[in-house]
Protein backbone atom coordinates (compact mmCIF):
# COMPACT_ATOMS: atom_id res chain seq x y z
CA MET A 1 0.00 0.00 0.00
CA LYS A 2 1.26 3.44 -0.91
CA SER A 3 1.52 5.12 2.48
CA PHE A 4 3.05 8.54 1.71
CA ALA A 5 1.97 11.33 -0.61
CA LEU A 6 4.58 13.59 -2.20
CA ILE A 7 3.20 17.01 -3.08
CA LEU A 8 5.38 19.44 -5.04
CA TRP A 9 4.64 23.14 -5.50
CA LEU A 10 6.29 25.49 -8.00
CA LEU A 11 7.06 28.82 -6.35
CA ILE A 12 5.98 31.69 -8.60
CA GLY A 13 7.77 35.06 -8.63
CA ASP A 14 4.76 37.02 -7.31
CA GLY A 15 4.79 35.00 -4.07
CA GLY A 16 2.24 32.49 -5.30
CA GLN A 17 2.62 28.79 -5.77
CA ARG A 18 1.11 26.11 -7.99
CA VAL A 19 0.86 22.36 -7.43
CA VAL A 20 2.90 20.61 -10.13
CA LEU A 21 2.96 17.04 -8.83
CA THR A 22 1.22 14.65 -6.49
CA GLN A 23 2.58 11.14 -6.22
CA HIS A 24 2.09 8.24 -3.81
CA VAL A 25 5.08 6.20 -2.59
CA ASP A 26 5.67 3.33 -0.18
CA SER A 27 7.80 5.00 2.52
CA ASP A 28 9.04 8.30 3.90
CA ALA A 29 12.58 7.46 2.75
CA LEU A 30 11.39 6.97 -0.85
CA CYS A 31 9.37 10.17 -0.63
CA GLN A 32 12.39 12.17 0.58
CA THR A 33 14.61 10.68 -2.15
CA ALA A 34 12.08 11.46 -4.89
CA ALA A 35 11.57 14.98 -3.51
CA LYS A 36 15.32 15.69 -3.48
CA ALA A 37 15.64 14.54 -7.11
CA LEU A 38 12.72 16.77 -8.14
CA VAL A 39 14.05 19.79 -6.25
CA ASP A 40 17.41 19.34 -8.01
CA LYS A 41 15.68 18.93 -11.40
CA TYR A 42 13.70 22.16 -11.02
CA ALA A 43 16.72 24.02 -9.59
CA ALA A 44 18.72 23.06 -12.72
CA ARG A 45 16.03 24.90 -14.72
CA GLY A 46 16.32 27.94 -12.47
CA GLN A 47 12.98 27.26 -10.77
CA ARG A 48 12.19 27.03 -7.08
CA VAL A 49 9.88 24.43 -5.59
CA ARG A 50 8.78 23.25 -2.19
CA TYR A 51 7.52 19.83 -1.23
CA LEU A 52 5.68 17.93 1.46
CA CYS A 53 5.94 14.22 2.27
CA HIS A 54 2.66 13.49 4.00
CA GLU A 55 1.69 10.18 5.58
CA VAL A 56 -1.60 8.88 4.22
CA VAL A 57 -3.97 7.54 6.85
CA PRO A 58 -6.64 5.26 5.37
CA GLU A 59 -10.25 5.82 6.35
CA VAL A 60 -11.70 3.18 8.65
CA GLY A 61 -15.45 2.72 8.73
CA ASP A 62 -18.16 4.87 7.16
CA VAL A 63 -17.88 8.56 6.33
CA ASP A 64 -20.55 11.16 5.59
CA VAL A 65 -20.80 13.22 2.38
CA ASN A 66 -18.20 15.66 3.76
CA GLY A 67 -15.68 12.90 4.53
CA ASN A 68 -16.22 13.07 8.28
CA PRO A 69 -16.21 9.76 10.18
CA ILE A 70 -19.61 8.40 11.18
CA GLU A 71 -19.73 6.89 14.63
CA PRO A 72 -21.17 3.34 14.65
CA GLU A 73 -24.25 4.44 16.63
CA GLN A 74 -24.97 7.22 14.09
CA ALA A 75 -24.71 4.79 11.17
CA ALA A 76 -27.39 2.53 12.71
CA HIS A 77 -30.08 5.29 12.50
């Protein structure tokens, strides 16, 4: 199971940023390695990026339309 999400943002000159990549990987170490390679790749082009390696936590049980967990007693109604 892919347990980490790598999110990469391109930093724009006016202070803004734009998501340029989202990728799922198996571990934090793989995420960090992939992020370093991407940072170097964009830096070689003269561009600045930032990244986040975020652990993905799978949902357990039912969720409502907003993605909020439904307690078992609520689901029975």
